[in-house]
Amino acid sequence: MEFVGKEFTTEDEADHFYHEYAKFVGFGVRRNTKRYDKQGMLTGRQWVCSKQGFRPQKYLRLANRSREARPLTRTGCRAEFRISLNERKTAWVCTFFYGKHNHNLTPIGQ
């Protein structure tokens, strides 16, 4: 499936599309960054695999925790999906897609 160049009428449509794709392939999604123009209008959005990156070091060594830390789940996965508003600001277009994961996937039904 070709992602780059795919158009969406709204940001929500792109969000729904990528979440459905992730569910089919077998990974979780996290909304990552937003980009705004000088007028404050949203012009870009990025979604990443829920296993993207690593937990910040400052949270790994807390001396006085009030409860037990959650298990570490991030693996540094680099899968991501990016959209940008086109020049006429009439549609959202996928500008970048990286679909390789560095962890096991669990597709629907497994």
PDB file of N, CA and C in Angstrom:
ATOM      1  N   MET A   1       0.847  -1.180   0.000  1.00  0.00           N
ATOM      2  CA  MET A   1       0.000   0.000   0.000  1.00  0.00           C
ATOM      3  C   MET A   1       0.894   1.246   0.000  1.00  0.00           C
ATOM      4  N   GLU A   2       0.585   2.177  -0.875  1.00  0.00           N
ATOM      5  CA  GLU A   2       1.353   3.421  -0.969  1.00  0.00           C
ATOM      6  C   GLU A   2       0.726   4.466  -0.046  1.00  0.00           C
ATOM      7  N   PHE A   3       1.512   5.012   0.839  1.00  0.00           N
ATOM      8  CA  PHE A   3       1.016   5.990   1.802  1.00  0.00           C
ATOM      9  C   PHE A   3       1.349   7.414   1.396  1.00  0.00           C
ATOM     10  N   VAL A   4       2.608   7.667   1.023  1.00  0.00           N
ATOM     11  CA  VAL A   4       3.031   9.029   0.697  1.00  0.00           C
ATOM     12  C   VAL A   4       2.228   9.526  -0.496  1.00  0.00           C
ATOM     13  N   GLY A   5       1.623  10.700  -0.336  1.00  0.00           N
ATOM     14  CA  GLY A   5       0.782  11.285  -1.370  1.00  0.00           C
ATOM     15  C   GLY A   5      -0.702  11.044  -1.151  1.00  0.00           C
ATOM     16  N   LYS A   6      -1.064  10.133  -0.268  1.00  0.00           N
ATOM     17  CA  LYS A   6      -2.477   9.864   0.023  1.00  0.00           C
ATOM     18  C   LYS A   6      -3.096  11.101   0.660  1.00  0.00           C
ATOM     19  N   GLU A   7      -4.285  11.479   0.201  1.00  0.00           N
ATOM     20  CA  GLU A   7      -4.949  12.688   0.694  1.00  0.00           C
ATOM     21  C   GLU A   7      -6.107  12.357   1.628  1.00  0.00           C
ATOM     22  N   PHE A   8      -6.312  13.252   2.579  1.00  0.00           N
ATOM     23  CA  PHE A   8      -7.405  13.149   3.546  1.00  0.00           C
ATOM     24  C   PHE A   8      -8.088  14.506   3.616  1.00  0.00           C
ATOM     25  N   THR A   9      -9.402  14.522   3.809  1.00  0.00           N
ATOM     26  CA  THR A   9     -10.102  15.803   3.887  1.00  0.00           C
ATOM     27  C   THR A   9      -9.941  16.462   5.247  1.00  0.00           C
ATOM     28  N   THR A  10      -9.757  15.659   6.295  1.00  0.00           N
ATOM     29  CA  THR A  10      -9.577  16.222   7.637  1.00  0.00           C
ATOM     30  C   THR A  10      -8.450  15.495   8.367  1.00  0.00           C
ATOM     31  N   GLU A  11      -7.963  16.125   9.419  1.00  0.00           N
ATOM     32  CA  GLU A  11      -6.950  15.498  10.278  1.00  0.00           C
ATOM     33  C   GLU A  11      -7.539  14.251  10.942  1.00  0.00           C
ATOM     34  N   ASP A  12      -8.807  14.334  11.353  1.00  0.00           N
ATOM     35  CA  ASP A  12      -9.472  13.189  11.990  1.00  0.00           C
ATOM     36  C   ASP A  12      -9.568  11.990  11.050  1.00  0.00           C
ATOM     37  N   GLU A  13      -9.777  12.257   9.768  1.00  0.00           N
ATOM     38  CA  GLU A  13      -9.834  11.171   8.790  1.00  0.00           C
ATOM     39  C   GLU A  13      -8.476  10.460   8.706  1.00  0.00           C
ATOM     40  N   ALA A  14      -7.395  11.223   8.705  1.00  0.00           N
ATOM     41  CA  ALA A  14      -6.048  10.640   8.682  1.00  0.00           C
ATOM     42  C   ALA A  14      -5.791   9.855   9.964  1.00  0.00           C
ATOM     43  N   ASP A  15      -6.220  10.405  11.093  1.00  0.00           N
ATOM     44  CA  ASP A  15      -6.063   9.739  12.385  1.00  0.00           C
ATOM     45  C   ASP A  15      -6.782   8.389  12.372  1.00  0.00           C
ATOM     46  N   HIS A  16      -8.011   8.388  11.918  1.00  0.00           N
ATOM     47  CA  HIS A  16      -8.802   7.157  11.855  1.00  0.00           C
ATOM     48  C   HIS A  16      -8.149   6.144  10.912  1.00  0.00           C
ATOM     49  N   PHE A  17      -7.691   6.615   9.756  1.00  0.00           N
ATOM     50  CA  PHE A  17      -7.036   5.745   8.778  1.00  0.00           C
ATOM     51  C   PHE A  17      -5.819   5.051   9.384  1.00  0.00           C
ATOM     52  N   TYR A  18      -4.944   5.816  10.050  1.00  0.00           N
ATOM     53  CA  TYR A  18      -3.711   5.230  10.584  1.00  0.00           C
ATOM     54  C   TYR A  18      -3.999   4.296  11.761  1.00  0.00           C
ATOM     55  N   HIS A  19      -4.978   4.645  12.576  1.00  0.00           N
ATOM     56  CA  HIS A  19      -5.346   3.750  13.677  1.00  0.00           C
ATOM     57  C   HIS A  19      -5.915   2.424  13.144  1.00  0.00           C
ATOM     58  N   GLU A  20      -6.720   2.476  12.094  1.00  0.00           N
ATOM     59  CA  GLU A  20      -7.261   1.249  11.498  1.00  0.00           C
ATOM     60  C   GLU A  20      -6.141   0.420  10.873  1.00  0.00           C
ATOM     61  N   TYR A  21      -5.213   1.088  10.192  1.00  0.00           N
ATOM     62  CA  TYR A  21      -4.054   0.392   9.620  1.00  0.00           C
ATOM     63  C   TYR A  21      -3.257  -0.297  10.730  1.00  0.00           C
ATOM     64  N   ALA A  22      -3.004   0.424  11.811  1.00  0.00           N
ATOM     65  CA  ALA A  22      -2.232  -0.119  12.933  1.00  0.00           C
ATOM     66  C   ALA A  22      -2.929  -1.329  13.545  1.00  0.00           C
ATOM     67  N   LYS A  23      -4.242  -1.244  13.669  1.00  0.00           N
ATOM     68  CA  LYS A  23      -5.011  -2.360  14.226  1.00  0.00           C
ATOM     69  C   LYS A  23      -4.887  -3.592  13.328  1.00  0.00           C
ATOM     70  N   PHE A  24      -4.954  -3.368  12.016  1.00  0.00           N
ATOM     71  CA  PHE A  24      -4.852  -4.465  11.056  1.00  0.00           C
ATOM     72  C   PHE A  24      -3.460  -5.104  11.077  1.00  0.00           C
ATOM     73  N   VAL A  25      -2.421  -4.275  11.135  1.00  0.00           N
ATOM     74  CA  VAL A  25      -1.041  -4.770  11.116  1.00  0.00           C
ATOM     75  C   VAL A  25      -0.637  -5.340  12.472  1.00  0.00           C
ATOM     76  N   GLY A  26      -1.107  -4.712  13.560  1.00  0.00           N
ATOM     77  CA  GLY A  26      -0.855  -5.262  14.883  1.00  0.00           C
ATOM     78  C   GLY A  26       0.072  -4.467  15.774  1.00  0.00           C
ATOM     79  N   PHE A  27      -0.107  -3.149  15.823  1.00  0.00           N
ATOM     80  CA  PHE A  27       0.686  -2.326  16.738  1.00  0.00           C
ATOM     81  C   PHE A  27      -0.160  -1.176  17.262  1.00  0.00           C
ATOM     82  N   GLY A  28       0.294  -0.571  18.341  1.00  0.00           N
ATOM     83  CA  GLY A  28      -0.397   0.566  18.927  1.00  0.00           C
ATOM     84  C   GLY A  28       0.151   1.872  18.378  1.00  0.00           C
ATOM     85  N   VAL A  29      -0.674   2.909  18.402  1.00  0.00           N
ATOM     86  CA  VAL A  29      -0.304   4.219  17.857  1.00  0.00           C
ATOM     87  C   VAL A  29      -0.325   5.264  18.954  1.00  0.00           C
ATOM     88  N   ARG A  30       0.592   6.210  18.847  1.00  0.00           N
ATOM     89  CA  ARG A  30       0.631   7.352  19.760  1.00  0.00           C
ATOM     90  C   ARG A  30       0.740   8.620  18.926  1.00  0.00           C
ATOM     91  N   ARG A  31      -0.097   9.611  19.235  1.00  0.00           N
ATOM     92  CA  ARG A  31       0.043  10.917  18.579  1.00  0.00           C
ATOM     93  C   ARG A  31       1.304  11.553  19.119  1.00  0.00           C
ATOM     94  N   ASN A  32       2.146  12.074  18.224  1.00  0.00           N
ATOM     95  CA  ASN A  32       3.435  12.563  18.677  1.00  0.00           C
ATOM     96  C   ASN A  32       3.541  14.080  18.621  1.00  0.00           C
ATOM     97  N   THR A  33       3.682  14.654  17.452  1.00  0.00           N
ATOM     98  CA  THR A  33       3.891  16.104  17.380  1.00  0.00           C
ATOM     99  C   THR A  33       2.878  16.774  16.467  1.00  0.00           C
ATOM    100  N   LYS A  34       2.718  18.077  16.701  1.00  0.00           N
ATOM    101  CA  LYS A  34       1.898  18.935  15.849  1.00  0.00           C
ATOM    102  C   LYS A  34       2.777  20.074  15.366  1.00  0.00           C
ATOM    103  N   ARG A  35       2.475  20.598  14.172  1.00  0.00           N
ATOM    104  CA  ARG A  35       3.179  21.777  13.663  1.00  0.00           C
ATOM    105  C   ARG A  35       2.147  22.849  13.353  1.00  0.00           C
ATOM    106  N   TYR A  36       2.516  24.090  13.659  1.00  0.00           N
ATOM    107  CA  TYR A  36       1.627  25.226  13.435  1.00  0.00           C
ATOM    108  C   TYR A  36       2.339  26.264  12.581  1.00  0.00           C
ATOM    109  N   ASP A  37       1.560  27.041  11.801  1.00  0.00           N
ATOM    110  CA  ASP A  37       2.160  28.142  11.054  1.00  0.00           C
ATOM    111  C   ASP A  37       2.202  29.387  11.938  1.00  0.00           C
ATOM    112  N   LYS A  38       2.647  30.511  11.384  1.00  0.00           N
ATOM    113  CA  LYS A  38       2.805  31.741  12.169  1.00  0.00           C
ATOM    114  C   LYS A  38       1.480  32.278  12.696  1.00  0.00           C
ATOM    115  N   GLN A  39       0.383  31.941  12.031  1.00  0.00           N
ATOM    116  CA  GLN A  39      -0.938  32.392  12.483  1.00  0.00           C
ATOM    117  C   GLN A  39      -1.546  31.450  13.517  1.00  0.00           C
ATOM    118  N   GLY A  40      -0.849  30.379  13.837  1.00  0.00           N
ATOM    119  CA  GLY A  40      -1.348  29.432  14.829  1.00  0.00           C
ATOM    120  C   GLY A  40      -2.234  28.342  14.259  1.00  0.00           C
ATOM    121  N   MET A  41      -2.274  28.237  12.921  1.00  0.00           N
ATOM    122  CA  MET A  41      -3.094  27.207  12.282  1.00  0.00           C
ATOM    123  C   MET A  41      -2.308  25.894  12.221  1.00  0.00           C
ATOM    124  N   LEU A  42      -2.957  24.803  12.578  1.00  0.00           N
ATOM    125  CA  LEU A  42      -2.328  23.487  12.523  1.00  0.00           C
ATOM    126  C   LEU A  42      -1.993  23.153  11.073  1.00  0.00           C
ATOM    127  N   THR A  43      -0.723  22.825  10.798  1.00  0.00           N
ATOM    128  CA  THR A  43      -0.297  22.519   9.432  1.00  0.00           C
ATOM    129  C   THR A  43       0.354  21.147   9.295  1.00  0.00           C
ATOM    130  N   GLY A  44       0.636  20.482  10.401  1.00  0.00           N
ATOM    131  CA  GLY A  44       1.271  19.175  10.316  1.00  0.00           C
ATOM    132  C   GLY A  44       1.000  18.338  11.547  1.00  0.00           C
ATOM    133  N   ARG A  45       1.041  17.020  11.343  1.00  0.00           N
ATOM    134  CA  ARG A  45       0.747  16.098  12.438  1.00  0.00           C
ATOM    135  C   ARG A  45       1.589  14.852  12.254  1.00  0.00           C
ATOM    136  N   GLN A  46       2.005  14.244  13.359  1.00  0.00           N
ATOM    137  CA  GLN A  46       2.814  13.028  13.300  1.00  0.00           C
ATOM    138  C   GLN A  46       2.267  12.002  14.286  1.00  0.00           C
ATOM    139  N   TRP A  47       2.178  10.756  13.820  1.00  0.00           N
ATOM    140  CA  TRP A  47       1.825   9.627  14.665  1.00  0.00           C
ATOM    141  C   TRP A  47       3.000   8.665  14.653  1.00  0.00           C
ATOM    142  N   VAL A  48       3.241   8.013  15.774  1.00  0.00           N
ATOM    143  CA  VAL A  48       4.342   7.054  15.869  1.00  0.00           C
ATOM    144  C   VAL A  48       3.836   5.763  16.503  1.00  0.00           C
ATOM    145  N   CYS A  49       4.625   4.725  16.369  1.00  0.00           N
ATOM    146  CA  CYS A  49       4.338   3.458  17.034  1.00  0.00           C
ATOM    147  C   CYS A  49       4.382   3.699  18.539  1.00  0.00           C
ATOM    148  N   SER A  50       3.535   3.032  19.284  1.00  0.00           N
ATOM    149  CA  SER A  50       3.515   3.226  20.738  1.00  0.00           C
ATOM    150  C   SER A  50       4.815   2.771  21.396  1.00  0.00           C
ATOM    151  N   LYS A  51       5.631   2.020  20.677  1.00  0.00           N
ATOM    152  CA  LYS A  51       6.919   1.574  21.221  1.00  0.00           C
ATOM    153  C   LYS A  51       8.073   2.459  20.742  1.00  0.00           C
ATOM    154  N   GLN A  52       7.753   3.603  20.163  1.00  0.00           N
ATOM    155  CA  GLN A  52       8.770   4.541  19.684  1.00  0.00           C
ATOM    156  C   GLN A  52       9.512   5.164  20.855  1.00  0.00           C
ATOM    157  N   GLY A  53      10.810   5.366  20.681  1.00  0.00           N
ATOM    158  CA  GLY A  53      11.599   6.044  21.704  1.00  0.00           C
ATOM    159  C   GLY A  53      11.850   5.178  22.926  1.00  0.00           C
ATOM    160  N   PHE A  54      12.313   5.834  23.980  1.00  0.00           N
ATOM    161  CA  PHE A  54      12.596   5.168  25.246  1.00  0.00           C
ATOM    162  C   PHE A  54      12.098   6.050  26.378  1.00  0.00           C
ATOM    163  N   ARG A  55      11.828   5.463  27.527  1.00  0.00           N
ATOM    164  CA  ARG A  55      11.403   6.237  28.686  1.00  0.00           C
ATOM    165  C   ARG A  55      12.546   7.155  29.109  1.00  0.00           C
ATOM    166  N   PRO A  56      12.257   8.432  29.379  1.00  0.00           N
ATOM    167  CA  PRO A  56      13.319   9.358  29.811  1.00  0.00           C
ATOM    168  C   PRO A  56      14.030   8.855  31.071  1.00  0.00           C
ATOM    169  N   GLN A  57      15.335   9.037  31.108  1.00  0.00           N
ATOM    170  CA  GLN A  57      16.169   8.559  32.216  1.00  0.00           C
ATOM    171  C   GLN A  57      15.705   9.079  33.576  1.00  0.00           C
ATOM    172  N   LYS A  58      15.216  10.325  33.616  1.00  0.00           N
ATOM    173  CA  LYS A  58      14.829  10.896  34.914  1.00  0.00           C
ATOM    174  C   LYS A  58      13.705  10.103  35.584  1.00  0.00           C
ATOM    175  N   TYR A  59      12.912   9.375  34.795  1.00  0.00           N
ATOM    176  CA  TYR A  59      11.828   8.584  35.375  1.00  0.00           C
ATOM    177  C   TYR A  59      12.272   7.169  35.744  1.00  0.00           C
ATOM    178  N   LEU A  60      13.452   6.779  35.305  1.00  0.00           N
ATOM    179  CA  LEU A  60      13.921   5.426  35.599  1.00  0.00           C
ATOM    180  C   LEU A  60      14.511   5.309  36.997  1.00  0.00           C
ATOM    181  N   ARG A  61      15.024   6.404  37.530  1.00  0.00           N
ATOM    182  CA  ARG A  61      15.727   6.348  38.816  1.00  0.00           C
ATOM    183  C   ARG A  61      15.101   7.248  39.884  1.00  0.00           C
ATOM    184  N   LEU A  62      13.812   7.255  39.995  1.00  0.00           N
ATOM    185  CA  LEU A  62      13.164   8.056  41.034  1.00  0.00           C
ATOM    186  C   LEU A  62      13.338   7.364  42.381  1.00  0.00           C
ATOM    187  N   ALA A  63      13.888   8.078  43.338  1.00  0.00           N
ATOM    188  CA  ALA A  63      14.179   7.494  44.654  1.00  0.00           C
ATOM    189  C   ALA A  63      12.923   7.319  45.506  1.00  0.00           C
ATOM    190  N   ASN A  64      12.054   8.301  45.496  1.00  0.00           N
ATOM    191  CA  ASN A  64      10.888   8.246  46.383  1.00  0.00           C
ATOM    192  C   ASN A  64       9.589   8.086  45.580  1.00  0.00           C
ATOM    193  N   ARG A  65       9.436   6.932  44.949  1.00  0.00           N
ATOM    194  CA  ARG A  65       8.207   6.645  44.199  1.00  0.00           C
ATOM    195  C   ARG A  65       7.053   6.398  45.165  1.00  0.00           C
ATOM    196  N   SER A  66       5.883   6.883  44.815  1.00  0.00           N
ATOM    197  CA  SER A  66       4.719   6.624  45.651  1.00  0.00           C
ATOM    198  C   SER A  66       4.052   5.298  45.255  1.00  0.00           C
ATOM    199  N   ARG A  67       4.343   4.817  44.037  1.00  0.00           N
ATOM    200  CA  ARG A  67       3.831   3.509  43.608  1.00  0.00           C
ATOM    201  C   ARG A  67       4.842   2.857  42.667  1.00  0.00           C
ATOM    202  N   GLU A  68       4.642   1.597  42.407  1.00  0.00           N
ATOM    203  CA  GLU A  68       5.572   0.840  41.567  1.00  0.00           C
ATOM    204  C   GLU A  68       5.532   1.348  40.127  1.00  0.00           C
ATOM    205  N   ALA A  69       6.685   1.407  39.498  1.00  0.00           N
ATOM    206  CA  ALA A  69       6.773   1.885  38.115  1.00  0.00           C
ATOM    207  C   ALA A  69       6.112   0.893  37.165  1.00  0.00           C
ATOM    208  N   ARG A  70       5.536   1.421  36.095  1.00  0.00           N
ATOM    209  CA  ARG A  70       4.965   0.559  35.068  1.00  0.00           C
ATOM    210  C   ARG A  70       6.097  -0.151  34.331  1.00  0.00           C
ATOM    211  N   PRO A  71       5.809  -1.288  33.726  1.00  0.00           N
ATOM    212  CA  PRO A  71       6.856  -2.008  32.990  1.00  0.00           C
ATOM    213  C   PRO A  71       7.365  -1.180  31.803  1.00  0.00           C
ATOM    214  N   LEU A  72       8.628  -1.365  31.454  1.00  0.00           N
ATOM    215  CA  LEU A  72       9.196  -0.690  30.284  1.00  0.00           C
ATOM    216  C   LEU A  72       8.672  -1.378  29.032  1.00  0.00           C
ATOM    217  N   THR A  73       8.099  -0.604  28.106  1.00  0.00           N
ATOM    218  CA  THR A  73       7.529  -1.186  26.895  1.00  0.00           C
ATOM    219  C   THR A  73       8.134  -0.610  25.623  1.00  0.00           C
ATOM    220  N   ARG A  74       8.849   0.474  25.717  1.00  0.00           N
ATOM    221  CA  ARG A  74       9.383   1.104  24.509  1.00  0.00           C
ATOM    222  C   ARG A  74      10.651   0.407  24.032  1.00  0.00           C
ATOM    223  N   THR A  75      10.745   0.265  22.707  1.00  0.00           N
ATOM    224  CA  THR A  75      11.871  -0.458  22.115  1.00  0.00           C
ATOM    225  C   THR A  75      12.685   0.394  21.154  1.00  0.00           C
ATOM    226  N   GLY A  76      12.346   1.667  21.009  1.00  0.00           N
ATOM    227  CA  GLY A  76      13.046   2.523  20.054  1.00  0.00           C
ATOM    228  C   GLY A  76      12.544   2.338  18.632  1.00  0.00           C
ATOM    229  N   CYS A  77      11.333   1.820  18.466  1.00  0.00           N
ATOM    230  CA  CYS A  77      10.753   1.599  17.138  1.00  0.00           C
ATOM    231  C   CYS A  77      10.689   2.926  16.379  1.00  0.00           C
ATOM    232  N   ARG A  78      10.964   2.880  15.082  1.00  0.00           N
ATOM    233  CA  ARG A  78      11.017   4.117  14.303  1.00  0.00           C
ATOM    234  C   ARG A  78       9.836   4.278  13.346  1.00  0.00           C
ATOM    235  N   ALA A  79       8.833   3.410  13.431  1.00  0.00           N
ATOM    236  CA  ALA A  79       7.680   3.501  12.539  1.00  0.00           C
ATOM    237  C   ALA A  79       6.931   4.804  12.800  1.00  0.00           C
ATOM    238  N   GLU A  80       6.564   5.499  11.718  1.00  0.00           N
ATOM    239  CA  GLU A  80       5.814   6.750  11.877  1.00  0.00           C
ATOM    240  C   GLU A  80       5.026   7.092  10.626  1.00  0.00           C
ATOM    241  N   PHE A  81       4.078   8.008  10.796  1.00  0.00           N
ATOM    242  CA  PHE A  81       3.174   8.468   9.743  1.00  0.00           C
ATOM    243  C   PHE A  81       3.017   9.968   9.925  1.00  0.00           C
ATOM    244  N   ARG A  82       3.296  10.746   8.868  1.00  0.00           N
ATOM    245  CA  ARG A  82       3.206  12.210   8.957  1.00  0.00           C
ATOM    246  C   ARG A  82       2.292  12.757   7.878  1.00  0.00           C
ATOM    247  N   ILE A  83       1.505  13.764   8.245  1.00  0.00           N
ATOM    248  CA  ILE A  83       0.682  14.469   7.267  1.00  0.00           C
ATOM    249  C   ILE A  83       0.944  15.966   7.377  1.00  0.00           C
ATOM    250  N   SER A  84       0.706  16.657   6.270  1.00  0.00           N
ATOM    251  CA  SER A  84       0.810  18.116   6.242  1.00  0.00           C
ATOM    252  C   SER A  84      -0.358  18.665   5.456  1.00  0.00           C
ATOM    253  N   LEU A  85      -0.740  19.878   5.786  1.00  0.00           N
ATOM    254  CA  LEU A  85      -1.782  20.572   5.041  1.00  0.00           C
ATOM    255  C   LEU A  85      -1.180  21.001   3.711  1.00  0.00           C
ATOM    256  N   ASN A  86      -1.896  20.768   2.591  1.00  0.00           N
ATOM    257  CA  ASN A  86      -1.329  21.146   1.300  1.00  0.00           C
ATOM    258  C   ASN A  86      -1.274  22.668   1.155  1.00  0.00           C
ATOM    259  N   GLU A  87      -0.610  23.155   0.104  1.00  0.00           N
ATOM    260  CA  GLU A  87      -0.378  24.596  -0.057  1.00  0.00           C
ATOM    261  C   GLU A  87      -1.661  25.414  -0.104  1.00  0.00           C
ATOM    262  N   ARG A  88      -2.707  24.862  -0.695  1.00  0.00           N
ATOM    263  CA  ARG A  88      -3.988  25.585  -0.770  1.00  0.00           C
ATOM    264  C   ARG A  88      -4.798  25.459   0.514  1.00  0.00           C
ATOM    265  N   LYS A  89      -4.284  24.657   1.452  1.00  0.00           N
ATOM    266  CA  LYS A  89      -4.952  24.404   2.734  1.00  0.00           C
ATOM    267  C   LYS A  89      -6.344  23.817   2.540  1.00  0.00           C
ATOM    268  N   THR A  90      -6.429  22.920   1.542  1.00  0.00           N
ATOM    269  CA  THR A  90      -7.711  22.282   1.248  1.00  0.00           C
ATOM    270  C   THR A  90      -7.730  20.796   1.595  1.00  0.00           C
ATOM    271  N   ALA A  91      -6.553  20.200   1.783  1.00  0.00           N
ATOM    272  CA  ALA A  91      -6.498  18.765   2.086  1.00  0.00           C
ATOM    273  C   ALA A  91      -5.234  18.449   2.873  1.00  0.00           C
ATOM    274  N   TRP A  92      -5.295  17.350   3.611  1.00  0.00           N
ATOM    275  CA  TRP A  92      -4.134  16.831   4.333  1.00  0.00           C
ATOM    276  C   TRP A  92      -3.496  15.764   3.463  1.00  0.00           C
ATOM    277  N   VAL A  93      -2.173  15.789   3.362  1.00  0.00           N
ATOM    278  CA  VAL A  93      -1.452  14.852   2.504  1.00  0.00           C
ATOM    279  C   VAL A  93      -0.385  14.130   3.321  1.00  0.00           C
ATOM    280  N   CYS A  94      -0.285  12.821   3.138  1.00  0.00           N
ATOM    281  CA  CYS A  94       0.780  12.059   3.799  1.00  0.00           C
ATOM    282  C   CYS A  94       2.108  12.450   3.154  1.00  0.00           C
ATOM    283  N   THR A  95       3.034  12.950   3.963  1.00  0.00           N
ATOM    284  CA  THR A  95       4.331  13.393   3.454  1.00  0.00           C
ATOM    285  C   THR A  95       5.457  12.438   3.822  1.00  0.00           C
ATOM    286  N   PHE A  96       5.229  11.562   4.794  1.00  0.00           N
ATOM    287  CA  PHE A  96       6.269  10.615   5.201  1.00  0.00           C
ATOM    288  C   PHE A  96       5.626   9.405   5.855  1.00  0.00           C
ATOM    289  N   PHE A  97       6.151   8.237   5.512  1.00  0.00           N
ATOM    290  CA  PHE A  97       5.688   6.998   6.130  1.00  0.00           C
ATOM    291  C   PHE A  97       6.871   6.056   6.259  1.00  0.00           C
ATOM    292  N   TYR A  98       7.058   5.498   7.447  1.00  0.00           N
ATOM    293  CA  TYR A  98       8.070   4.473   7.677  1.00  0.00           C
ATOM    294  C   TYR A  98       7.362   3.337   8.392  1.00  0.00           C
ATOM    295  N   GLY A  99       7.301   2.180   7.750  1.00  0.00           N
ATOM    296  CA  GLY A  99       6.482   1.094   8.268  1.00  0.00           C
ATOM    297  C   GLY A  99       7.207  -0.078   8.890  1.00  0.00           C
ATOM    298  N   LYS A 100       8.533   0.014   9.048  1.00  0.00           N
ATOM    299  CA  LYS A 100       9.270  -1.107   9.634  1.00  0.00           C
ATOM    300  C   LYS A 100       9.306  -0.982  11.151  1.00  0.00           C
ATOM    301  N   HIS A 101       9.036  -2.097  11.821  1.00  0.00           N
ATOM    302  CA  HIS A 101       9.033  -2.139  13.282  1.00  0.00           C
ATOM    303  C   HIS A 101      10.182  -3.011  13.770  1.00  0.00           C
ATOM    304  N   ASN A 102      10.687  -2.722  14.960  1.00  0.00           N
ATOM    305  CA  ASN A 102      11.784  -3.520  15.521  1.00  0.00           C
ATOM    306  C   ASN A 102      11.289  -4.437  16.646  1.00  0.00           C
ATOM    307  N   HIS A 103      10.022  -4.772  16.608  1.00  0.00           N
ATOM    308  CA  HIS A 103       9.410  -5.619  17.635  1.00  0.00           C
ATOM    309  C   HIS A 103       8.350  -6.483  16.975  1.00  0.00           C
ATOM    310  N   ASN A 104       7.862  -7.466  17.687  1.00  0.00           N
ATOM    311  CA  ASN A 104       6.819  -8.342  17.160  1.00  0.00           C
ATOM    312  C   ASN A 104       5.505  -7.589  17.043  1.00  0.00           C
ATOM    313  N   LEU A 105       4.723  -7.962  16.019  1.00  0.00           N
ATOM    314  CA  LEU A 105       3.407  -7.367  15.795  1.00  0.00           C
ATOM    315  C   LEU A 105       2.345  -8.415  16.098  1.00  0.00           C
ATOM    316  N   THR A 106       1.152  -7.961  16.462  1.00  0.00           N
ATOM    317  CA  THR A 106       0.050  -8.864  16.776  1.00  0.00           C
ATOM    318  C   THR A 106      -1.188  -8.438  15.996  1.00  0.00           C
ATOM    319  N   PRO A 107      -1.333  -8.906  14.747  1.00  0.00           N
ATOM    320  CA  PRO A 107      -2.496  -8.531  13.940  1.00  0.00           C
ATOM    321  C   PRO A 107      -3.808  -8.994  14.569  1.00  0.00           C
ATOM    322  N   ILE A 108      -4.903  -8.398  14.131  1.00  0.00           N
ATOM    323  CA  ILE A 108      -6.234  -8.754  14.623  1.00  0.00           C
ATOM    324  C   ILE A 108      -6.460 -10.252  14.442  1.00  0.00           C
ATOM    325  N   GLY A 109      -7.049 -10.868  15.439  1.00  0.00           N
ATOM    326  CA  GLY A 109      -7.380 -12.286  15.361  1.00  0.00           C
ATOM    327  C   GLY A 109      -6.277 -13.218  15.835  1.00  0.00           C
ATOM    328  N   GLN A 110      -5.205 -12.651  16.353  1.00  0.00           N
ATOM    329  CA  GLN A 110      -4.126 -13.520  16.844  1.00  0.00           C
ATOM    330  C   GLN A 110      -3.914 -13.339  18.315  1.00  0.00           C
TER     331      GLN A 110
END
